[in-house]
Amino acid sequence: MKHEINPQETNRAFAFEMWLNAPMPMVTLVKTMNVNHLLRFSKKQHIKFNTLMCWCIGMTANETKELHLLPEKGKLFRYDQIAVNVVVRNRKGGINSCDIPFSTDLRQFNQDYIELTTKVAEECQSSFLEGYMVVGTSAMIQTELDCVVNQYTDKFLNPMVMWGKYRKSWFKATLPVSFQFHHVQMDGGDAARFLEALQRTINSI
């Protein structure tokens, strides 16, 4: 569910006035994550690395109050539930979007991830959830990337987390992660704390 709230009654009042009608209100931060633990966990539990990344993003977003807020059509809304959107390669070679409802139960999330993305891939039709705060993701694992900056469109103001192929050395695996967000939703410091929290989630899964 989502609820309209009065921006003046939140700590986003100044940001709402400053950035709601800005021609370019999106901001992108990039942080290199240590994903050693996530890779080991993926192999041990037989859960795909990107599925685990999406779960960690959902868990961190669920615990970040700013990521339950989003401006829409000149108003500010608060969402009760989080979903993670993934880009799915369909059976025809094209792509579709798929919203996965976040669950703190990793096994449930993994099951939903497999079932929903498989259905989208087979039917070649995108699947969206209503009433969820959707955190977008895009994994371009064909190559190592230093940074990703998403297109800006007023049709999609949701936060977006993007990454490429992880990098392995003798003792470490790292992954640069790009995080794009609307300035009404959070400030740079809030976004930096989100990325730090994401690293802690990755370390403790």
N, C-alpha and C. Protein backbone atom coordinates (compact mmCIF):
# COMPACT_ATOMS: atom_id res chain seq x y z
N MET A 1 0.84 -1.20 0.00
CA MET A 1 0.00 0.00 0.00
C MET A 1 0.87 1.25 0.00
N LYS A 2 0.36 2.31 -0.61
CA LYS A 2 1.05 3.59 -0.55
C LYS A 2 0.09 4.64 -0.03
N HIS A 3 0.64 5.62 0.68
CA HIS A 3 -0.17 6.65 1.31
C HIS A 3 0.41 8.01 0.97
N GLU A 4 -0.45 8.94 0.58
CA GLU A 4 0.02 10.30 0.34
C GLU A 4 0.31 10.96 1.68
N ILE A 5 1.43 11.65 1.77
CA ILE A 5 1.81 12.34 3.00
C ILE A 5 2.13 13.80 2.69
N ASN A 6 2.06 14.61 3.71
CA ASN A 6 2.38 16.03 3.58
C ASN A 6 3.89 16.21 3.69
N PRO A 7 4.55 16.66 2.62
CA PRO A 7 6.01 16.81 2.68
C PRO A 7 6.47 17.73 3.81
N GLN A 8 5.64 18.72 4.17
CA GLN A 8 6.01 19.68 5.21
C GLN A 8 6.07 19.03 6.59
N GLU A 9 5.49 17.84 6.71
CA GLU A 9 5.50 17.14 7.98
C GLU A 9 6.60 16.08 8.03
N THR A 10 7.52 16.13 7.06
CA THR A 10 8.64 15.19 7.01
C THR A 10 9.95 15.97 6.98
N ASN A 11 11.05 15.25 7.09
CA ASN A 11 12.36 15.90 6.99
C ASN A 11 12.78 16.11 5.52
N ARG A 12 11.88 15.82 4.58
CA ARG A 12 12.15 16.02 3.17
C ARG A 12 11.48 17.29 2.63
N ALA A 13 10.98 18.14 3.52
CA ALA A 13 10.25 19.34 3.09
C ALA A 13 11.10 20.24 2.21
N PHE A 14 12.33 20.54 2.65
CA PHE A 14 13.21 21.42 1.88
C PHE A 14 13.56 20.79 0.54
N ALA A 15 13.90 19.50 0.56
CA ALA A 15 14.26 18.80 -0.68
C ALA A 15 13.08 18.76 -1.64
N PHE A 16 11.87 18.60 -1.10
CA PHE A 16 10.68 18.56 -1.95
C PHE A 16 10.51 19.87 -2.70
N GLU A 17 10.69 20.97 -2.01
CA GLU A 17 10.56 22.28 -2.65
C GLU A 17 11.69 22.54 -3.64
N MET A 18 12.89 22.12 -3.29
CA MET A 18 14.05 22.41 -4.12
C MET A 18 14.13 21.55 -5.39
N TRP A 19 13.80 20.26 -5.28
CA TRP A 19 14.13 19.32 -6.33
C TRP A 19 12.95 18.70 -7.07
N LEU A 20 11.73 18.95 -6.61
CA LEU A 20 10.59 18.27 -7.23
C LEU A 20 10.49 18.61 -8.72
N ASN A 21 10.67 19.87 -9.07
CA ASN A 21 10.52 20.29 -10.45
C ASN A 21 11.86 20.57 -11.14
N ALA A 22 12.94 20.07 -10.54
CA ALA A 22 14.26 20.25 -11.16
C ALA A 22 14.32 19.45 -12.47
N PRO A 23 14.98 19.99 -13.51
CA PRO A 23 15.06 19.26 -14.78
C PRO A 23 15.88 17.97 -14.68
N MET A 24 16.76 17.89 -13.70
CA MET A 24 17.58 16.69 -13.53
C MET A 24 17.74 16.40 -12.04
N PRO A 25 16.71 15.82 -11.40
CA PRO A 25 16.75 15.61 -9.95
C PRO A 25 17.41 14.30 -9.51
N MET A 26 17.88 13.50 -10.48
CA MET A 26 18.48 12.22 -10.13
C MET A 26 19.96 12.38 -9.83
N VAL A 27 20.43 11.63 -8.84
CA VAL A 27 21.84 11.66 -8.43
C VAL A 27 22.36 10.22 -8.46
N THR A 28 23.63 10.04 -8.86
CA THR A 28 24.23 8.71 -8.90
C THR A 28 25.49 8.66 -8.05
N LEU A 29 25.55 7.70 -7.14
CA LEU A 29 26.75 7.42 -6.35
C LEU A 29 27.27 6.04 -6.73
N VAL A 30 28.59 5.86 -6.65
CA VAL A 30 29.20 4.58 -6.99
C VAL A 30 30.10 4.13 -5.84
N LYS A 31 29.97 2.87 -5.46
CA LYS A 31 30.81 2.31 -4.39
C LYS A 31 31.24 0.90 -4.80
N THR A 32 32.51 0.59 -4.57
CA THR A 32 33.01 -0.76 -4.85
C THR A 32 32.78 -1.64 -3.63
N MET A 33 32.00 -2.70 -3.83
CA MET A 33 31.64 -3.61 -2.75
C MET A 33 32.58 -4.81 -2.71
N ASN A 34 32.83 -5.29 -1.51
CA ASN A 34 33.52 -6.57 -1.33
C ASN A 34 32.45 -7.66 -1.32
N VAL A 35 32.50 -8.55 -2.31
CA VAL A 35 31.45 -9.57 -2.43
C VAL A 35 32.00 -10.99 -2.20
N ASN A 36 33.12 -11.10 -1.51
CA ASN A 36 33.68 -12.42 -1.19
C ASN A 36 32.67 -13.31 -0.51
N HIS A 37 32.07 -12.79 0.54
CA HIS A 37 31.14 -13.59 1.34
C HIS A 37 29.93 -14.00 0.50
N LEU A 38 29.44 -13.09 -0.33
CA LEU A 38 28.26 -13.37 -1.15
C LEU A 38 28.55 -14.49 -2.15
N LEU A 39 29.73 -14.49 -2.73
CA LEU A 39 30.11 -15.55 -3.67
C LEU A 39 30.19 -16.91 -2.98
N ARG A 40 30.79 -16.93 -1.80
CA ARG A 40 30.88 -18.19 -1.06
C ARG A 40 29.49 -18.70 -0.68
N PHE A 41 28.65 -17.78 -0.24
CA PHE A 41 27.28 -18.15 0.16
C PHE A 41 26.50 -18.66 -1.04
N SER A 42 26.70 -18.02 -2.20
CA SER A 42 26.01 -18.43 -3.43
C SER A 42 26.36 -19.87 -3.80
N LYS A 43 27.64 -20.21 -3.72
CA LYS A 43 28.08 -21.56 -4.08
C LYS A 43 27.60 -22.60 -3.05
N LYS A 44 27.62 -22.21 -1.79
CA LYS A 44 27.24 -23.14 -0.73
C LYS A 44 25.74 -23.42 -0.74
N GLN A 45 24.94 -22.38 -0.96
CA GLN A 45 23.48 -22.53 -0.89
C GLN A 45 22.82 -22.75 -2.25
N HIS A 46 23.63 -22.70 -3.31
CA HIS A 46 23.12 -22.91 -4.66
C HIS A 46 22.02 -21.89 -5.01
N ILE A 47 22.29 -20.66 -4.67
CA ILE A 47 21.43 -19.54 -5.04
C ILE A 47 22.24 -18.59 -5.92
N LYS A 48 21.65 -18.15 -7.01
CA LYS A 48 22.38 -17.32 -7.96
C LYS A 48 22.88 -16.03 -7.29
N PHE A 49 24.07 -15.62 -7.71
CA PHE A 49 24.70 -14.41 -7.16
C PHE A 49 23.80 -13.20 -7.33
N ASN A 50 23.22 -13.01 -8.52
CA ASN A 50 22.38 -11.84 -8.75
C ASN A 50 21.10 -11.88 -7.92
N THR A 51 20.58 -13.06 -7.67
CA THR A 51 19.42 -13.18 -6.78
C THR A 51 19.78 -12.72 -5.37
N LEU A 52 20.96 -13.12 -4.91
CA LEU A 52 21.42 -12.70 -3.59
C LEU A 52 21.65 -11.20 -3.53
N MET A 53 22.20 -10.63 -4.59
CA MET A 53 22.38 -9.18 -4.64
C MET A 53 21.03 -8.48 -4.52
N CYS A 54 20.04 -8.98 -5.24
CA CYS A 54 18.70 -8.38 -5.18
C CYS A 54 18.09 -8.50 -3.79
N TRP A 55 18.30 -9.64 -3.14
CA TRP A 55 17.77 -9.81 -1.79
C TRP A 55 18.45 -8.83 -0.82
N CYS A 56 19.77 -8.69 -0.94
CA CYS A 56 20.51 -7.77 -0.07
C CYS A 56 20.04 -6.32 -0.30
N ILE A 57 19.79 -5.97 -1.55
CA ILE A 57 19.28 -4.63 -1.86
C ILE A 57 17.90 -4.44 -1.25
N GLY A 58 17.03 -5.44 -1.40
CA GLY A 58 15.70 -5.35 -0.81
C GLY A 58 15.73 -5.25 0.70
N MET A 59 16.58 -6.05 1.33
CA MET A 59 16.70 -6.01 2.79
C MET A 59 17.18 -4.65 3.27
N THR A 60 18.19 -4.10 2.60
CA THR A 60 18.74 -2.81 2.99
C THR A 60 17.73 -1.69 2.74
N ALA A 61 17.04 -1.75 1.60
CA ALA A 61 16.02 -0.75 1.29
C ALA A 61 14.87 -0.81 2.29
N ASN A 62 14.50 -2.02 2.68
CA ASN A 62 13.40 -2.20 3.64
C ASN A 62 13.71 -1.54 4.98
N GLU A 63 15.00 -1.48 5.32
CA GLU A 63 15.41 -0.90 6.60
C GLU A 63 15.84 0.56 6.48
N THR A 64 15.69 1.14 5.28
CA THR A 64 16.06 2.54 5.05
C THR A 64 14.80 3.36 4.86
N LYS A 65 14.47 4.21 5.82
CA LYS A 65 13.18 4.91 5.80
C LYS A 65 13.01 5.79 4.57
N GLU A 66 14.11 6.39 4.08
CA GLU A 66 14.00 7.26 2.90
C GLU A 66 13.56 6.48 1.66
N LEU A 67 13.89 5.20 1.60
CA LEU A 67 13.55 4.41 0.44
C LEU A 67 12.12 3.89 0.48
N HIS A 68 11.36 4.33 1.47
CA HIS A 68 9.92 4.07 1.48
C HIS A 68 9.16 5.29 0.97
N LEU A 69 9.87 6.35 0.59
CA LEU A 69 9.27 7.58 0.08
C LEU A 69 9.54 7.73 -1.41
N LEU A 70 8.59 8.35 -2.13
CA LEU A 70 8.82 8.63 -3.54
C LEU A 70 7.87 9.73 -4.00
N PRO A 71 8.41 10.74 -4.72
CA PRO A 71 7.53 11.76 -5.30
C PRO A 71 6.84 11.22 -6.55
N GLU A 72 5.62 11.66 -6.76
CA GLU A 72 4.88 11.22 -7.94
C GLU A 72 3.81 12.25 -8.26
N LYS A 73 3.88 12.82 -9.47
CA LYS A 73 2.89 13.78 -9.97
C LYS A 73 2.67 14.93 -8.98
N GLY A 74 3.79 15.46 -8.47
CA GLY A 74 3.72 16.62 -7.60
C GLY A 74 3.35 16.33 -6.16
N LYS A 75 3.26 15.06 -5.81
CA LYS A 75 2.90 14.66 -4.45
C LYS A 75 3.99 13.75 -3.88
N LEU A 76 3.94 13.54 -2.57
CA LEU A 76 4.90 12.64 -1.92
C LEU A 76 4.14 11.49 -1.30
N PHE A 77 4.63 10.28 -1.54
CA PHE A 77 3.96 9.08 -1.05
C PHE A 77 4.92 8.25 -0.19
N ARG A 78 4.33 7.58 0.81
CA ARG A 78 5.06 6.62 1.63
C ARG A 78 4.50 5.23 1.34
N TYR A 79 5.41 4.27 1.13
CA TYR A 79 5.03 2.90 0.80
C TYR A 79 5.29 1.98 2.00
N ASP A 80 4.39 1.02 2.15
CA ASP A 80 4.54 0.05 3.24
C ASP A 80 5.44 -1.12 2.87
N GLN A 81 5.46 -1.46 1.57
CA GLN A 81 6.15 -2.67 1.13
C GLN A 81 7.19 -2.35 0.04
N ILE A 82 8.21 -3.17 0.01
CA ILE A 82 9.31 -3.02 -0.95
C ILE A 82 9.24 -4.15 -1.98
N ALA A 83 9.55 -3.82 -3.21
CA ALA A 83 9.74 -4.84 -4.25
C ALA A 83 11.04 -4.52 -4.99
N VAL A 84 11.64 -5.52 -5.58
CA VAL A 84 12.86 -5.36 -6.36
C VAL A 84 12.54 -5.70 -7.81
N ASN A 85 12.86 -4.78 -8.71
CA ASN A 85 12.63 -5.01 -10.13
C ASN A 85 13.89 -5.54 -10.79
N VAL A 86 13.73 -6.54 -11.64
CA VAL A 86 14.87 -7.08 -12.39
C VAL A 86 14.54 -7.07 -13.88
N VAL A 87 15.58 -6.99 -14.70
CA VAL A 87 15.44 -7.06 -16.15
C VAL A 87 15.64 -8.50 -16.57
N VAL A 88 14.68 -9.04 -17.32
CA VAL A 88 14.68 -10.46 -17.69
C VAL A 88 14.87 -10.59 -19.20
N ARG A 89 15.80 -11.46 -19.60
CA ARG A 89 15.96 -11.80 -21.01
C ARG A 89 14.91 -12.84 -21.37
N ASN A 90 14.01 -12.51 -22.30
CA ASN A 90 12.92 -13.44 -22.62
C ASN A 90 13.33 -14.44 -23.70
N ARG A 91 12.45 -15.41 -23.96
CA ARG A 91 12.79 -16.51 -24.87
C ARG A 91 12.93 -16.07 -26.33
N LYS A 92 12.46 -14.85 -26.64
CA LYS A 92 12.57 -14.32 -28.00
C LYS A 92 13.84 -13.49 -28.19
N GLY A 93 14.62 -13.35 -27.10
CA GLY A 93 15.85 -12.58 -27.19
C GLY A 93 15.70 -11.13 -26.78
N GLY A 94 14.47 -10.71 -26.46
CA GLY A 94 14.24 -9.35 -25.99
C GLY A 94 14.32 -9.28 -24.47
N ILE A 95 13.91 -8.16 -23.90
CA ILE A 95 13.93 -8.01 -22.45
C ILE A 95 12.56 -7.58 -21.94
N ASN A 96 12.28 -7.95 -20.70
CA ASN A 96 11.08 -7.53 -19.99
C ASN A 96 11.44 -7.19 -18.55
N SER A 97 10.54 -6.47 -17.88
CA SER A 97 10.72 -6.13 -16.48
C SER A 97 9.91 -7.08 -15.61
N CYS A 98 10.43 -7.30 -14.41
CA CYS A 98 9.74 -8.20 -13.47
C CYS A 98 9.92 -7.70 -12.05
N ASP A 99 8.82 -7.41 -11.37
CA ASP A 99 8.85 -7.00 -9.97
C ASP A 99 8.79 -8.22 -9.06
N ILE A 100 9.73 -8.29 -8.12
CA ILE A 100 9.77 -9.39 -7.15
C ILE A 100 9.42 -8.81 -5.78
N PRO A 101 8.35 -9.27 -5.12
CA PRO A 101 8.04 -8.76 -3.78
C PRO A 101 9.15 -9.14 -2.81
N PHE A 102 9.61 -8.18 -2.01
CA PHE A 102 10.68 -8.50 -1.07
C PHE A 102 10.13 -9.26 0.12
N SER A 103 10.89 -10.27 0.55
CA SER A 103 10.59 -11.01 1.77
C SER A 103 11.88 -11.13 2.57
N THR A 104 11.78 -10.95 3.88
CA THR A 104 12.97 -11.14 4.72
C THR A 104 13.41 -12.60 4.72
N ASP A 105 12.52 -13.48 4.34
CA ASP A 105 12.83 -14.91 4.21
C ASP A 105 13.52 -15.12 2.87
N LEU A 106 14.82 -15.36 2.89
CA LEU A 106 15.59 -15.51 1.66
C LEU A 106 15.07 -16.65 0.80
N ARG A 107 14.68 -17.75 1.40
CA ARG A 107 14.19 -18.90 0.64
C ARG A 107 12.91 -18.53 -0.11
N GLN A 108 12.03 -17.77 0.54
CA GLN A 108 10.80 -17.35 -0.11
C GLN A 108 11.09 -16.39 -1.26
N PHE A 109 12.02 -15.46 -1.02
CA PHE A 109 12.39 -14.51 -2.06
C PHE A 109 12.99 -15.24 -3.26
N ASN A 110 13.86 -16.20 -3.00
CA ASN A 110 14.48 -16.97 -4.08
C ASN A 110 13.43 -17.73 -4.88
N GLN A 111 12.47 -18.32 -4.18
CA GLN A 111 11.40 -19.05 -4.87
C GLN A 111 10.57 -18.11 -5.74
N ASP A 112 10.21 -16.95 -5.19
CA ASP A 112 9.44 -15.97 -5.96
C ASP A 112 10.25 -15.48 -7.16
N TYR A 113 11.54 -15.25 -6.94
CA TYR A 113 12.41 -14.78 -8.00
C TYR A 113 12.42 -15.77 -9.18
N ILE A 114 12.61 -17.03 -8.87
CA ILE A 114 12.68 -18.06 -9.92
C ILE A 114 11.35 -18.18 -10.65
N GLU A 115 10.26 -18.27 -9.88
CA GLU A 115 8.94 -18.47 -10.50
C GLU A 115 8.52 -17.28 -11.36
N LEU A 116 8.70 -16.07 -10.84
CA LEU A 116 8.23 -14.89 -11.56
C LEU A 116 9.08 -14.58 -12.78
N THR A 117 10.40 -14.68 -12.64
CA THR A 117 11.26 -14.40 -13.80
C THR A 117 11.11 -15.46 -14.88
N THR A 118 10.90 -16.71 -14.48
CA THR A 118 10.67 -17.78 -15.46
C THR A 118 9.39 -17.53 -16.25
N LYS A 119 8.35 -17.11 -15.55
CA LYS A 119 7.07 -16.82 -16.21
C LYS A 119 7.20 -15.66 -17.19
N VAL A 120 7.90 -14.60 -16.75
CA VAL A 120 8.09 -13.43 -17.61
C VAL A 120 8.91 -13.82 -18.85
N ALA A 121 9.95 -14.61 -18.64
CA ALA A 121 10.80 -15.04 -19.76
C ALA A 121 10.02 -15.87 -20.77
N GLU A 122 9.15 -16.74 -20.29
CA GLU A 122 8.38 -17.62 -21.17
C GLU A 122 7.26 -16.87 -21.90
N GLU A 123 6.58 -15.97 -21.18
CA GLU A 123 5.42 -15.28 -21.75
C GLU A 123 5.81 -14.00 -22.48
N CYS A 124 7.06 -13.54 -22.29
CA CYS A 124 7.55 -12.32 -22.95
C CYS A 124 6.67 -11.11 -22.59
N GLN A 125 6.19 -11.08 -21.37
CA GLN A 125 5.38 -9.97 -20.89
C GLN A 125 5.90 -9.51 -19.53
N SER A 126 6.04 -8.20 -19.37
CA SER A 126 6.52 -7.65 -18.11
C SER A 126 5.49 -7.86 -17.01
N SER A 127 5.97 -7.93 -15.79
CA SER A 127 5.10 -8.15 -14.62
C SER A 127 5.39 -7.08 -13.58
N PHE A 128 4.37 -6.32 -13.20
CA PHE A 128 4.53 -5.22 -12.26
C PHE A 128 3.61 -5.40 -11.05
N LEU A 129 4.07 -4.90 -9.90
CA LEU A 129 3.29 -4.96 -8.67
C LEU A 129 2.76 -3.56 -8.34
N GLU A 130 1.50 -3.48 -7.97
CA GLU A 130 0.90 -2.22 -7.58
C GLU A 130 1.05 -2.01 -6.08
N GLY A 131 1.28 -0.76 -5.68
CA GLY A 131 1.32 -0.43 -4.27
C GLY A 131 2.63 -0.75 -3.57
N TYR A 132 3.66 -1.10 -4.32
CA TYR A 132 4.97 -1.40 -3.75
C TYR A 132 5.95 -0.29 -4.09
N MET A 133 6.88 -0.01 -3.17
CA MET A 133 8.00 0.84 -3.48
C MET A 133 9.01 -0.04 -4.21
N VAL A 134 9.21 0.23 -5.50
CA VAL A 134 10.02 -0.63 -6.34
C VAL A 134 11.44 -0.07 -6.46
N VAL A 135 12.42 -0.87 -6.10
CA VAL A 135 13.81 -0.53 -6.29
C VAL A 135 14.28 -1.27 -7.54
N GLY A 136 14.64 -0.51 -8.57
CA GLY A 136 15.06 -1.12 -9.81
C GLY A 136 16.48 -1.66 -9.73
N THR A 137 16.76 -2.70 -10.48
CA THR A 137 18.13 -3.22 -10.59
C THR A 137 18.42 -3.53 -12.06
N SER A 138 19.69 -3.51 -12.40
CA SER A 138 20.12 -3.90 -13.73
C SER A 138 21.52 -4.48 -13.63
N ALA A 139 21.64 -5.76 -13.96
CA ALA A 139 22.93 -6.46 -13.87
C ALA A 139 23.44 -6.73 -15.28
N MET A 140 24.52 -6.06 -15.65
CA MET A 140 25.13 -6.23 -16.98
C MET A 140 26.41 -7.04 -16.82
N ILE A 141 26.25 -8.34 -16.65
CA ILE A 141 27.35 -9.20 -16.23
C ILE A 141 28.23 -9.65 -17.40
N GLN A 142 27.98 -9.10 -18.59
CA GLN A 142 28.79 -9.50 -19.73
C GLN A 142 30.22 -8.94 -19.64
N THR A 143 30.39 -7.86 -18.86
CA THR A 143 31.71 -7.26 -18.76
C THR A 143 31.86 -6.54 -17.42
N GLU A 144 33.10 -6.26 -17.04
CA GLU A 144 33.36 -5.49 -15.83
C GLU A 144 33.08 -4.01 -16.11
N LEU A 145 32.38 -3.37 -15.22
CA LEU A 145 32.04 -1.95 -15.39
C LEU A 145 32.53 -1.15 -14.19
N ASP A 146 32.99 0.05 -14.44
CA ASP A 146 33.39 0.93 -13.35
C ASP A 146 32.22 1.72 -12.80
N CYS A 147 31.27 2.07 -13.68
CA CYS A 147 30.16 2.92 -13.27
C CYS A 147 29.02 2.77 -14.28
N VAL A 148 27.79 2.91 -13.82
CA VAL A 148 26.63 2.92 -14.71
C VAL A 148 25.78 4.13 -14.35
N VAL A 149 25.39 4.92 -15.32
CA VAL A 149 24.46 6.04 -15.11
C VAL A 149 23.24 5.76 -15.96
N ASN A 150 22.10 5.63 -15.32
CA ASN A 150 20.87 5.28 -16.01
C ASN A 150 20.29 6.49 -16.73
N GLN A 151 19.45 6.23 -17.73
CA GLN A 151 18.73 7.33 -18.37
C GLN A 151 17.77 7.97 -17.36
N TYR A 152 17.53 9.26 -17.51
CA TYR A 152 16.56 9.92 -16.66
C TYR A 152 15.27 10.11 -17.44
N THR A 153 14.17 9.69 -16.86
CA THR A 153 12.87 9.88 -17.47
C THR A 153 11.86 10.15 -16.37
N ASP A 154 10.92 11.07 -16.63
CA ASP A 154 9.91 11.36 -15.62
C ASP A 154 8.88 10.25 -15.47
N LYS A 155 9.04 9.16 -16.25
CA LYS A 155 8.15 8.01 -16.13
C LYS A 155 8.66 7.01 -15.10
N PHE A 156 9.90 7.18 -14.69
CA PHE A 156 10.47 6.25 -13.70
C PHE A 156 11.40 7.03 -12.78
N LEU A 157 10.90 7.37 -11.60
CA LEU A 157 11.68 8.14 -10.64
C LEU A 157 12.23 7.26 -9.52
N ASN A 158 11.96 5.96 -9.61
CA ASN A 158 12.37 5.05 -8.54
C ASN A 158 13.88 4.92 -8.46
N PRO A 159 14.39 4.56 -7.29
CA PRO A 159 15.83 4.31 -7.15
C PRO A 159 16.25 3.12 -8.00
N MET A 160 17.50 3.12 -8.39
CA MET A 160 18.02 2.08 -9.29
C MET A 160 19.41 1.68 -8.83
N VAL A 161 19.64 0.38 -8.71
CA VAL A 161 20.96 -0.14 -8.36
C VAL A 161 21.46 -0.97 -9.53
N MET A 162 22.69 -0.68 -9.99
CA MET A 162 23.20 -1.30 -11.22
C MET A 162 24.62 -1.79 -11.01
N TRP A 163 24.96 -2.87 -11.69
CA TRP A 163 26.32 -3.41 -11.59
C TRP A 163 26.65 -4.25 -12.83
N GLY A 164 27.94 -4.54 -12.99
CA GLY A 164 28.41 -5.38 -14.08
C GLY A 164 28.92 -6.71 -13.53
N LYS A 165 29.99 -7.21 -14.13
CA LYS A 165 30.60 -8.47 -13.71
C LYS A 165 31.54 -8.22 -12.54
N TYR A 166 31.47 -9.08 -11.54
CA TYR A 166 32.39 -8.90 -10.40
C TYR A 166 33.81 -9.22 -10.81
N ARG A 167 34.75 -8.66 -10.04
CA ARG A 167 36.17 -8.80 -10.35
C ARG A 167 36.83 -9.69 -9.29
N LYS A 168 37.56 -10.68 -9.75
CA LYS A 168 38.22 -11.60 -8.82
C LYS A 168 39.73 -11.43 -8.90
N SER A 169 40.35 -11.36 -7.73
CA SER A 169 41.80 -11.42 -7.61
C SER A 169 42.13 -12.64 -6.76
N TRP A 170 43.38 -12.77 -6.34
CA TRP A 170 43.76 -13.94 -5.55
C TRP A 170 42.97 -14.07 -4.26
N PHE A 171 42.75 -12.94 -3.58
CA PHE A 171 42.15 -13.02 -2.24
C PHE A 171 40.86 -12.23 -2.11
N LYS A 172 40.39 -11.62 -3.19
CA LYS A 172 39.26 -10.71 -3.05
C LYS A 172 38.41 -10.68 -4.31
N ALA A 173 37.10 -10.55 -4.10
CA ALA A 173 36.17 -10.33 -5.20
C ALA A 173 35.46 -9.01 -4.94
N THR A 174 35.48 -8.12 -5.92
CA THR A 174 34.88 -6.80 -5.75
C THR A 174 33.85 -6.54 -6.84
N LEU A 175 32.95 -5.61 -6.55
CA LEU A 175 31.88 -5.29 -7.49
C LEU A 175 31.52 -3.81 -7.37
N PRO A 176 31.87 -2.97 -8.36
CA PRO A 176 31.40 -1.59 -8.34
C PRO A 176 29.89 -1.54 -8.52
N VAL A 177 29.22 -0.82 -7.64
CA VAL A 177 27.76 -0.72 -7.66
C VAL A 177 27.37 0.74 -7.82
N SER A 178 26.52 1.03 -8.81
CA SER A 178 26.00 2.37 -9.03
C SER A 178 24.60 2.48 -8.42
N PHE A 179 24.38 3.54 -7.69
CA PHE A 179 23.08 3.75 -7.02
C PHE A 179 22.53 5.10 -7.45
N GLN A 180 21.42 5.07 -8.18
CA GLN A 180 20.77 6.30 -8.65
C GLN A 180 19.50 6.53 -7.85
N PHE A 181 19.27 7.79 -7.44
CA PHE A 181 18.11 8.09 -6.61
C PHE A 181 17.60 9.49 -6.91
N HIS A 182 16.37 9.75 -6.54
CA HIS A 182 15.75 11.06 -6.70
C HIS A 182 16.11 11.91 -5.48
N HIS A 183 16.51 13.16 -5.74
CA HIS A 183 16.99 14.01 -4.66
C HIS A 183 15.88 14.37 -3.66
N VAL A 184 14.62 14.30 -4.07
CA VAL A 184 13.53 14.50 -3.12
C VAL A 184 13.50 13.36 -2.11
N GLN A 185 13.83 12.19 -2.58
CA GLN A 185 13.77 10.98 -1.75
C GLN A 185 14.83 10.97 -0.66
N MET A 186 16.04 11.36 -1.01
CA MET A 186 17.13 11.33 -0.04
C MET A 186 18.24 12.27 -0.49
N ASP A 187 19.11 12.61 0.46
CA ASP A 187 20.29 13.42 0.17
C ASP A 187 21.48 12.50 -0.07
N GLY A 188 22.59 13.11 -0.52
CA GLY A 188 23.78 12.32 -0.79
C GLY A 188 24.29 11.55 0.41
N GLY A 189 24.22 12.18 1.58
CA GLY A 189 24.66 11.50 2.80
C GLY A 189 23.80 10.29 3.12
N ASP A 190 22.49 10.41 2.89
CA ASP A 190 21.59 9.28 3.11
C ASP A 190 21.93 8.14 2.14
N ALA A 191 22.22 8.51 0.89
CA ALA A 191 22.56 7.50 -0.11
C ALA A 191 23.87 6.80 0.23
N ALA A 192 24.83 7.58 0.73
CA ALA A 192 26.10 6.98 1.14
C ALA A 192 25.89 6.00 2.29
N ARG A 193 25.03 6.35 3.23
CA ARG A 193 24.72 5.43 4.33
C ARG A 193 24.01 4.18 3.83
N PHE A 194 23.16 4.35 2.81
CA PHE A 194 22.50 3.17 2.22
C PHE A 194 23.53 2.21 1.65
N LEU A 195 24.53 2.74 0.93
CA LEU A 195 25.56 1.89 0.35
C LEU A 195 26.41 1.21 1.42
N GLU A 196 26.69 1.93 2.50
CA GLU A 196 27.42 1.31 3.62
C GLU A 196 26.59 0.20 4.25
N ALA A 197 25.29 0.45 4.38
CA ALA A 197 24.40 -0.57 4.95
C ALA A 197 24.29 -1.77 4.02
N LEU A 198 24.29 -1.52 2.71
CA LEU A 198 24.25 -2.63 1.75
C LEU A 198 25.48 -3.51 1.91
N GLN A 199 26.65 -2.91 2.09
CA GLN A 199 27.85 -3.70 2.30
C GLN A 199 27.74 -4.55 3.57
N ARG A 200 27.17 -3.98 4.63
CA ARG A 200 26.99 -4.77 5.87
C ARG A 200 26.03 -5.92 5.65
N THR A 201 24.97 -5.69 4.87
CA THR A 201 24.03 -6.78 4.57
C THR A 201 24.70 -7.89 3.79
N ILE A 202 25.50 -7.50 2.80
CA ILE A 202 26.25 -8.49 2.02
C ILE A 202 27.19 -9.30 2.92
N ASN A 203 27.81 -8.63 3.87
CA ASN A 203 28.76 -9.31 4.76
C ASN A 203 28.08 -10.25 5.74
N SER A 204 26.82 -10.00 6.05
CA SER A 204 26.17 -10.74 7.13
C SER A 204 25.09 -11.70 6.66
N ILE A 205 24.91 -11.85 5.35
CA ILE A 205 23.83 -12.71 4.86
C ILE A 205 24.05 -14.15 5.36
